[in-house]
Amino acid sequence: MKYISEFRRSELAQGLISRIRHSSKTPARFMEFCGGHTVTIFRYGIRQVLPETVEMVSGPGCPICVTANADLDKAIALAQIPGVIVATFGDMIKVPGSRSSLQKIKAEGAEVRTVYSTMDALKAAADNPDKPVVFLGIGFETTAPTVAASILQAEEQGIKNYYVLSLHKLCPPVIRALLDAGEVELQGLVCPGHVSTIIGSHPWEFIANDYGIPCVVSGFEPLDILQCVDMLVGQVEKGESKVEIAYRRGVRPEGNRQALKLMEQVFEPAPARWRGIGEVADSGLKLRDKYRRFDAEANFKLKPGPPVEPAGCICGDILRGVKTPADCKLFGKACTPESPVGPCMVSTEGSCSAYYSYGEGHGG
């Protein structure tokens, strides 16, 4: 199949649903790590058509949502430095920090720009040579190579006013941390498709080998998700635990070697803070010493103040899969997409946003 419409054909979906219902005998809880998967599951009502034996829970695979308040506060502090231009993807603008947000300080006069790519930020630096331009490096392995490419291009072109605040996250280490915590018992994992286009399927093998949990890499259309669930059910019923790919049009076992080479050239693993999870070793990326002059944190004096979590917000619990948005007293009341209290309601890939938009009686 080549076209999106083919991955939404109802007759094929019905066939997969029937097969899952017929095959699934053993109760199983599957976590979809990626926020994009969560949106598809809710948008197309996939939870409602699965048998009672299959439970789906959402994980921490939304890069905006897992950005810790302490790191968001750094971005806000950068934007408050006179003359600094902060460039960021749109979802970050509205996320509340400890005391403010990028949107609020922009309204107060800070120069915060929404960009659609790292190259937009690099162009802003080239067009404003007298002003520092800081790109907020938010995202998983999917976006890190593009940020690395922008740094290499800045070096090649001699652009000296371009900086990156690297808040990138690596997914395999945090999955290990979640499994080690043991808060949620899982019988299968829906591995992220976009991340896997970069890193491949091999990095997920530790989940099957060390924890005995089946894994399937999924795409983002309804048939992708249903095929993934079907494959996970098949492993559960056979007592198997291995890594499979249900997204072969985008993912190879070895990943994208050129993208990985770019990422590894510019970045190296570092500890990173995850909202609701805490610091996880080697789950972040920092610029290598060779590219330190592009590191915003190393080149600007930041005093963001102590981080403060929003009162009553349970985003951290939701990201770990131990609670759902329906468990939050603020959900749909004090916290809405128009007036978000936590990041899970801000990002289009956030669980709260998905529940609010598509959930069963939870929102608009």
Protein backbone atom coordinates (compact mmCIF):
# COMPACT_ATOMS: atom_id res chain seq x y z
CA MET A 1 0.00 0.00 0.00
CA LYS A 2 1.30 3.46 -0.96
CA TYR A 3 -1.30 6.00 0.04
CA ILE A 4 -2.66 7.20 3.38
CA SER A 5 -6.24 6.38 2.42
CA GLU A 6 -5.27 2.73 2.03
CA PHE A 7 -4.23 2.62 5.68
CA ARG A 8 -7.71 3.77 6.70
CA ARG A 9 -9.82 1.26 4.77
CA SER A 10 -12.68 0.09 6.98
CA GLU A 11 -12.91 -3.41 5.52
CA LEU A 12 -9.25 -4.06 6.30
CA ALA A 13 -9.71 -2.64 9.78
CA GLN A 14 -12.69 -4.94 10.36
CA GLY A 15 -10.60 -7.93 9.33
CA LEU A 16 -7.83 -7.04 11.77
CA ILE A 17 -10.31 -6.35 14.58
CA SER A 18 -11.97 -9.73 14.05
CA ARG A 19 -8.62 -11.45 14.05
CA ILE A 20 -7.53 -9.73 17.27
CA ARG A 21 -10.81 -10.63 18.99
CA HIS A 22 -10.52 -14.23 17.88
CA SER A 23 -6.84 -14.57 18.83
CA SER A 24 -6.70 -12.72 22.13
CA LYS A 25 -7.35 -15.08 25.05
CA THR A 26 -4.77 -13.89 27.58
CA PRO A 27 -5.30 -10.52 29.32
CA ALA A 28 -2.59 -8.13 28.16
CA ARG A 29 -1.70 -4.50 28.77
CA PHE A 30 0.14 -2.77 25.94
CA MET A 31 1.78 0.65 26.24
CA GLU A 32 1.96 2.92 23.23
CA PHE A 33 5.06 4.96 23.94
CA CYS A 34 4.52 7.64 21.30
CA GLY A 35 2.06 10.51 21.63
CA GLY A 36 1.33 10.27 17.92
CA HIS A 37 0.06 6.73 18.50
CA THR A 38 -2.10 7.94 21.38
CA VAL A 39 -3.76 10.51 19.12
CA THR A 40 -4.49 7.90 16.43
CA ILE A 41 -5.88 5.45 18.99
CA PHE A 42 -8.30 8.05 20.35
CA ARG A 43 -9.16 9.73 17.07
CA TYR A 44 -10.25 6.46 15.48
CA GLY A 45 -11.79 4.86 18.57
CA ILE A 46 -9.37 1.94 18.56
CA ARG A 47 -9.65 1.26 22.30
CA GLN A 48 -13.40 0.77 21.96
CA VAL A 49 -13.12 -1.92 19.28
CA LEU A 50 -10.46 -4.02 21.01
CA PRO A 51 -11.53 -7.03 23.09
CA GLU A 52 -11.69 -6.77 26.88
CA THR A 53 -8.52 -8.83 27.07
CA VAL A 54 -6.50 -5.99 25.52
CA GLU A 55 -5.81 -2.80 27.48
CA MET A 56 -3.94 0.16 26.00
CA VAL A 57 -2.06 2.64 28.22
CA SER A 58 -0.19 5.76 27.12
CA GLY A 59 3.48 6.34 27.81
CA PRO A 60 5.88 9.31 27.93
CA GLY A 61 6.44 9.65 24.19
CA CYS A 62 5.57 13.34 23.85
CA PRO A 63 8.76 15.44 23.79
CA ILE A 64 6.98 18.65 24.79
CA CYS A 65 5.26 16.92 27.70
CA VAL A 66 8.38 15.32 29.16
CA THR A 67 10.40 18.53 29.15
CA ALA A 68 11.01 19.27 32.82
CA ASN A 69 9.97 22.61 34.28
CA ALA A 70 13.59 23.31 35.21
CA ASP A 71 14.57 23.09 31.53
CA LEU A 72 11.58 25.09 30.35
CA ASP A 73 12.53 27.76 32.88
CA LYS A 74 15.98 27.94 31.26
CA ALA A 75 14.38 28.61 27.88
CA ILE A 76 12.24 31.37 29.38
CA ALA A 77 15.30 32.87 31.11
CA LEU A 78 17.16 32.91 27.79
CA ALA A 79 14.32 34.76 26.09
CA GLN A 80 14.38 37.39 28.85
CA ILE A 81 17.99 38.34 28.11
CA PRO A 82 17.93 41.66 26.19
CA GLY A 83 18.71 41.22 22.50
CA VAL A 84 18.37 37.43 22.44
CA ILE A 85 16.06 35.84 19.87
CA VAL A 86 14.63 32.47 20.93
CA ALA A 87 13.40 30.24 18.11
CA THR A 88 11.17 27.28 18.89
CA PHE A 89 8.57 24.93 17.50
CA GLY A 90 5.02 26.14 18.10
CA ASP A 91 3.88 23.73 20.82
CA MET A 92 6.48 25.02 23.26
CA ILE A 93 5.10 28.56 23.22
CA LYS A 94 2.10 27.85 25.46
CA VAL A 95 3.66 25.38 27.90
CA PRO A 96 3.57 26.89 31.41
CA GLY A 97 6.88 27.04 33.22
CA SER A 98 7.32 27.60 36.94
CA ARG A 99 6.42 31.28 36.82
CA SER A 100 5.65 32.20 33.22
CA SER A 101 5.64 30.85 29.65
CA LEU A 102 7.28 31.78 26.37
CA GLN A 103 3.93 33.07 25.18
CA LYS A 104 3.57 35.41 28.17
CA ILE A 105 7.05 36.86 27.97
CA LYS A 106 6.64 37.31 24.21
CA ALA A 107 3.57 39.41 24.96
CA GLU A 108 5.73 41.40 27.38
CA GLY A 109 8.26 42.18 24.64
CA ALA A 110 10.66 39.23 24.49
CA GLU A 111 11.66 38.16 20.98
CA VAL A 112 10.32 34.62 20.70
CA ARG A 113 9.83 33.26 17.20
CA THR A 114 7.94 30.19 16.05
CA VAL A 115 9.87 28.26 13.41
CA TYR A 116 9.07 25.17 11.38
CA SER A 117 12.61 23.82 11.06
CA THR A 118 16.11 24.28 12.41
CA MET A 119 17.03 25.93 9.12
CA ASP A 120 14.48 28.68 9.82
CA ALA A 121 16.33 29.38 13.06
CA LEU A 122 19.69 29.33 11.28
CA LYS A 123 18.37 31.81 8.69
CA ALA A 124 17.19 34.08 11.51
CA ALA A 125 20.75 34.05 12.85
CA ALA A 126 22.18 34.85 9.41
CA ASP A 127 19.66 37.67 8.95
CA ASN A 128 20.36 39.16 12.41
CA PRO A 129 24.15 38.95 12.85
CA ASP A 130 24.07 41.46 15.72
CA LYS A 131 21.70 39.33 17.83
CA PRO A 132 22.20 35.89 19.40
CA VAL A 133 19.64 33.39 18.09
CA VAL A 134 18.95 30.39 20.33
CA PHE A 135 17.09 27.39 18.97
CA LEU A 136 15.33 25.25 21.56
CA GLY A 137 16.41 21.69 20.82
CA ILE A 138 13.28 19.85 21.91
CA GLY A 139 12.56 16.35 20.68
CA PHE A 140 13.63 12.75 20.52
CA GLU A 141 16.05 11.02 18.15
CA THR A 142 13.79 12.13 15.28
CA THR A 143 14.74 15.80 15.48
CA ALA A 144 18.29 15.61 16.85
CA PRO A 145 19.94 14.93 13.44
CA THR A 146 18.36 18.05 11.95
CA VAL A 147 19.70 20.12 14.85
CA ALA A 148 23.12 18.55 14.36
CA ALA A 149 22.96 19.45 10.66
CA SER A 150 22.14 23.08 11.51
CA ILE A 151 25.17 23.30 13.79
CA LEU A 152 27.47 21.87 11.13
CA GLN A 153 26.03 24.31 8.59
CA ALA A 154 26.50 27.23 10.98
CA GLU A 155 30.13 26.21 11.42
CA GLU A 156 30.64 25.86 7.66
CA GLN A 157 29.08 29.26 6.95
CA GLY A 158 30.86 31.00 9.81
CA ILE A 159 27.62 31.99 11.57
CA LYS A 160 28.80 32.91 15.06
CA ASN A 161 25.52 34.04 16.66
CA TYR A 162 23.66 30.72 16.43
CA TYR A 163 23.15 28.65 19.59
CA VAL A 164 21.21 25.59 20.65
CA LEU A 165 19.71 24.83 24.04
CA SER A 166 19.86 21.05 23.83
CA LEU A 167 16.92 19.49 25.67
CA HIS A 168 16.84 16.42 23.45
CA LYS A 169 15.76 13.08 24.87
CA LEU A 170 16.72 9.51 23.97
CA CYS A 171 13.92 6.97 24.19
CA PRO A 172 15.48 3.55 24.96
CA PRO A 173 17.03 4.65 28.30
CA VAL A 174 13.74 6.03 29.63
CA ILE A 175 11.86 2.88 28.65
CA ARG A 176 14.40 0.90 30.65
CA ALA A 177 13.88 3.28 33.58
CA LEU A 178 10.09 2.81 33.39
CA LEU A 179 10.40 -0.96 33.27
CA ASP A 180 12.85 -0.98 36.17
CA ALA A 181 10.46 1.16 38.22
CA GLY A 182 7.80 -1.52 37.82
CA GLU A 183 4.87 0.82 38.40
CA VAL A 184 2.95 -0.51 35.40
CA GLU A 185 2.96 -4.17 34.45
CA LEU A 186 3.19 -4.51 30.68
CA GLN A 187 2.77 -7.47 28.35
CA GLY A 188 3.72 -5.57 25.21
CA LEU A 189 5.12 -2.30 23.90
CA VAL A 190 4.12 -0.34 20.81
CA CYS A 191 7.49 1.12 19.85
CA PRO A 192 7.61 4.63 18.33
CA GLY A 193 7.64 4.76 14.55
CA HIS A 194 9.30 8.12 13.92
CA VAL A 195 12.08 7.48 16.44
CA SER A 196 12.65 4.05 14.91
CA THR A 197 13.07 5.53 11.41
CA ILE A 198 16.27 7.02 12.84
CA ILE A 199 17.55 4.42 15.32
CA GLY A 200 16.02 1.29 13.75
CA SER A 201 14.52 -1.64 15.63
CA HIS A 202 17.72 -3.11 17.08
CA PRO A 203 17.87 -0.69 20.07
CA TRP A 204 14.54 -2.10 21.34
CA GLU A 205 15.85 -5.65 21.60
CA PHE A 206 16.80 -5.22 25.27
CA ILE A 207 13.08 -4.96 26.10
CA ALA A 208 12.38 -8.42 24.72
CA ASN A 209 15.67 -9.97 25.84
CA ASP A 210 16.00 -8.46 29.35
CA TYR A 211 12.35 -8.09 30.35
CA GLY A 212 10.57 -10.70 28.24
CA ILE A 213 8.17 -8.11 26.81
CA PRO A 214 7.04 -8.31 23.17
CA CYS A 215 7.73 -5.22 21.05
CA VAL A 216 6.35 -4.08 17.70
CA VAL A 217 7.33 -0.88 15.90
CA SER A 218 4.19 0.80 14.57
CA GLY A 219 3.26 3.47 12.06
CA PHE A 220 0.63 6.09 12.74
CA GLU A 221 -2.43 5.20 10.69
CA PRO A 222 -5.35 3.14 12.10
CA LEU A 223 -4.35 0.00 10.20
CA ASP A 224 -0.76 0.40 11.44
CA ILE A 225 -1.95 0.40 15.05
CA LEU A 226 -4.32 -2.52 14.54
CA GLN A 227 -1.64 -4.55 12.79
CA CYS A 228 0.75 -3.77 15.64
CA VAL A 229 -1.80 -4.90 18.26
CA ASP A 230 -2.46 -8.05 16.23
CA MET A 231 1.26 -8.86 16.18
CA LEU A 232 1.60 -8.19 19.91
CA VAL A 233 -1.38 -10.43 20.66
CA GLY A 234 0.21 -13.12 18.51
CA GLN A 235 3.43 -12.97 20.54
CA VAL A 236 1.56 -13.02 23.85
CA GLU A 237 -0.51 -16.03 22.89
CA LYS A 238 2.58 -17.92 21.66
CA GLY A 239 4.60 -17.00 24.75
CA GLU A 240 7.16 -15.16 22.61
CA SER A 241 9.08 -11.97 23.23
CA LYS A 242 10.83 -10.42 20.27
CA VAL A 243 11.03 -7.19 18.28
CA GLU A 244 8.98 -6.96 15.11
CA ILE A 245 8.34 -4.15 12.63
CA ALA A 246 4.82 -3.29 11.51
CA TYR A 247 6.06 -0.12 9.78
CA ARG A 248 8.46 -1.41 7.15
CA ARG A 249 7.71 1.42 4.75
CA GLY A 250 9.53 3.72 7.19
CA VAL A 251 11.75 1.60 9.44
CA ARG A 252 14.75 -0.62 8.82
CA PRO A 253 16.33 -2.73 11.56
CA GLU A 254 19.60 -0.78 11.29
CA GLY A 255 17.91 2.63 11.16
CA ASN A 256 19.07 5.64 9.18
CA ARG A 257 22.84 5.44 9.29
CA GLN A 258 23.43 8.91 7.85
CA ALA A 259 21.16 10.52 10.43
CA LEU A 260 22.80 8.54 13.23
CA LYS A 261 26.24 9.59 12.01
CA LEU A 262 25.21 13.26 12.07
CA MET A 263 23.77 12.95 15.55
CA GLU A 264 26.81 11.15 16.93
CA GLN A 265 29.21 13.61 15.33
CA VAL A 266 27.71 16.63 17.11
CA PHE A 267 26.15 15.19 20.28
CA GLU A 268 27.06 12.77 23.04
CA PRO A 269 24.79 11.11 25.63
CA ALA A 270 24.20 12.95 28.90
CA PRO A 271 21.84 12.73 31.87
CA ALA A 272 18.44 14.32 31.25
CA ARG A 273 15.47 15.30 33.39
CA TRP A 274 12.08 13.87 32.42
CA ARG A 275 8.87 15.33 33.80
CA GLY A 276 7.34 12.91 36.28
CA ILE A 277 10.26 10.50 35.99
CA GLY A 278 13.30 12.44 37.15
CA GLU A 279 16.87 12.28 35.93
CA VAL A 280 17.70 9.32 33.70
CA ALA A 281 21.33 8.54 32.87
CA ASP A 282 22.37 8.81 29.21
CA SER A 283 18.85 9.75 28.15
CA GLY A 284 19.75 13.21 26.87
CA LEU A 285 22.14 14.75 24.37
CA LYS A 286 24.72 17.46 24.96
CA LEU A 287 26.98 19.09 22.41
CA ARG A 288 30.46 17.64 22.18
CA ASP A 289 33.32 19.86 23.31
CA LYS A 290 34.23 20.58 19.68
CA TYR A 291 30.88 22.36 19.25
CA ARG A 292 30.71 23.99 22.67
CA ARG A 293 30.59 27.48 21.19
CA PHE A 294 27.10 26.65 19.89
CA ASP A 295 25.89 25.54 23.34
CA ALA A 296 23.50 28.15 24.75
CA GLU A 297 23.79 26.87 28.31
CA ALA A 298 27.58 27.16 28.18
CA ASN A 299 27.58 30.65 26.68
CA PHE A 300 24.85 32.48 28.61
CA LYS A 301 24.51 33.05 32.34
CA LEU A 302 21.08 31.72 33.26
CA LYS A 303 19.30 32.25 36.57
CA PRO A 304 15.89 30.68 36.06
CA GLY A 305 15.17 30.20 39.76
CA PRO A 306 13.99 26.99 41.44
CA PRO A 307 11.49 24.93 39.44
CA VAL A 308 7.91 24.76 40.70
CA GLU A 309 5.37 22.21 39.48
CA PRO A 310 1.81 23.40 38.76
CA ALA A 311 -0.49 22.70 41.70
CA GLY A 312 -2.87 19.81 41.12
CA CYS A 313 -1.35 18.78 37.77
CA ILE A 314 -0.75 15.03 37.42
CA CYS A 315 1.05 15.13 34.05
CA GLY A 316 3.96 13.23 35.58
CA ASP A 317 1.73 10.32 36.61
CA ILE A 318 0.03 10.31 33.21
CA LEU A 319 3.38 10.20 31.41
CA ARG A 320 4.43 7.17 33.46
CA GLY A 321 1.18 5.39 32.58
CA VAL A 322 0.01 5.06 36.19
CA LYS A 323 -2.92 7.47 35.77
CA THR A 324 -5.08 8.81 32.95
CA PRO A 325 -6.32 12.35 32.29
CA ALA A 326 -9.72 11.27 33.63
CA ASP A 327 -8.06 10.90 37.05
CA CYS A 328 -7.05 14.58 37.12
CA LYS A 329 -9.34 16.96 39.02
CA LEU A 330 -8.24 19.84 36.79
CA PHE A 331 -8.96 18.09 33.50
CA GLY A 332 -11.58 19.82 31.38
CA LYS A 333 -12.23 22.35 34.13
CA ALA A 334 -9.27 24.49 35.19
CA CYS A 335 -7.14 22.81 32.52
CA THR A 336 -8.27 23.04 28.87
CA PRO A 337 -6.43 23.56 25.56
CA GLU A 338 -7.33 27.26 25.76
CA SER A 339 -6.00 27.56 29.31
CA PRO A 340 -3.60 24.66 29.94
CA VAL A 341 -2.19 24.00 33.38
CA GLY A 342 0.22 21.26 32.28
CA PRO A 343 2.06 20.35 29.07
CA CYS A 344 0.00 17.21 28.38
CA MET A 345 -2.89 19.53 27.51
CA VAL A 346 -0.73 21.84 25.38
CA SER A 347 0.97 19.52 22.93
CA THR A 348 -1.03 18.06 20.07
CA GLU A 349 0.57 14.74 21.03
CA GLY A 350 -0.21 15.04 24.72
CA SER A 351 -2.48 12.47 26.36
CA CYS A 352 -4.70 15.14 27.93
CA SER A 353 -5.13 16.89 24.60
CA ALA A 354 -6.06 13.57 22.94
CA TYR A 355 -8.53 12.73 25.71
CA TYR A 356 -10.05 16.20 25.52
CA SER A 357 -10.42 16.16 21.73
CA TYR A 358 -11.40 12.53 21.15
CA GLY A 359 -11.99 10.89 24.55
CA GLU A 360 -15.17 9.28 25.75
CA GLY A 361 -17.10 12.13 27.30
CA HIS A 362 -13.95 13.79 28.64
CA GLY A 363 -13.99 16.97 26.64
CA GLY A 364 -15.20 18.86 23.62
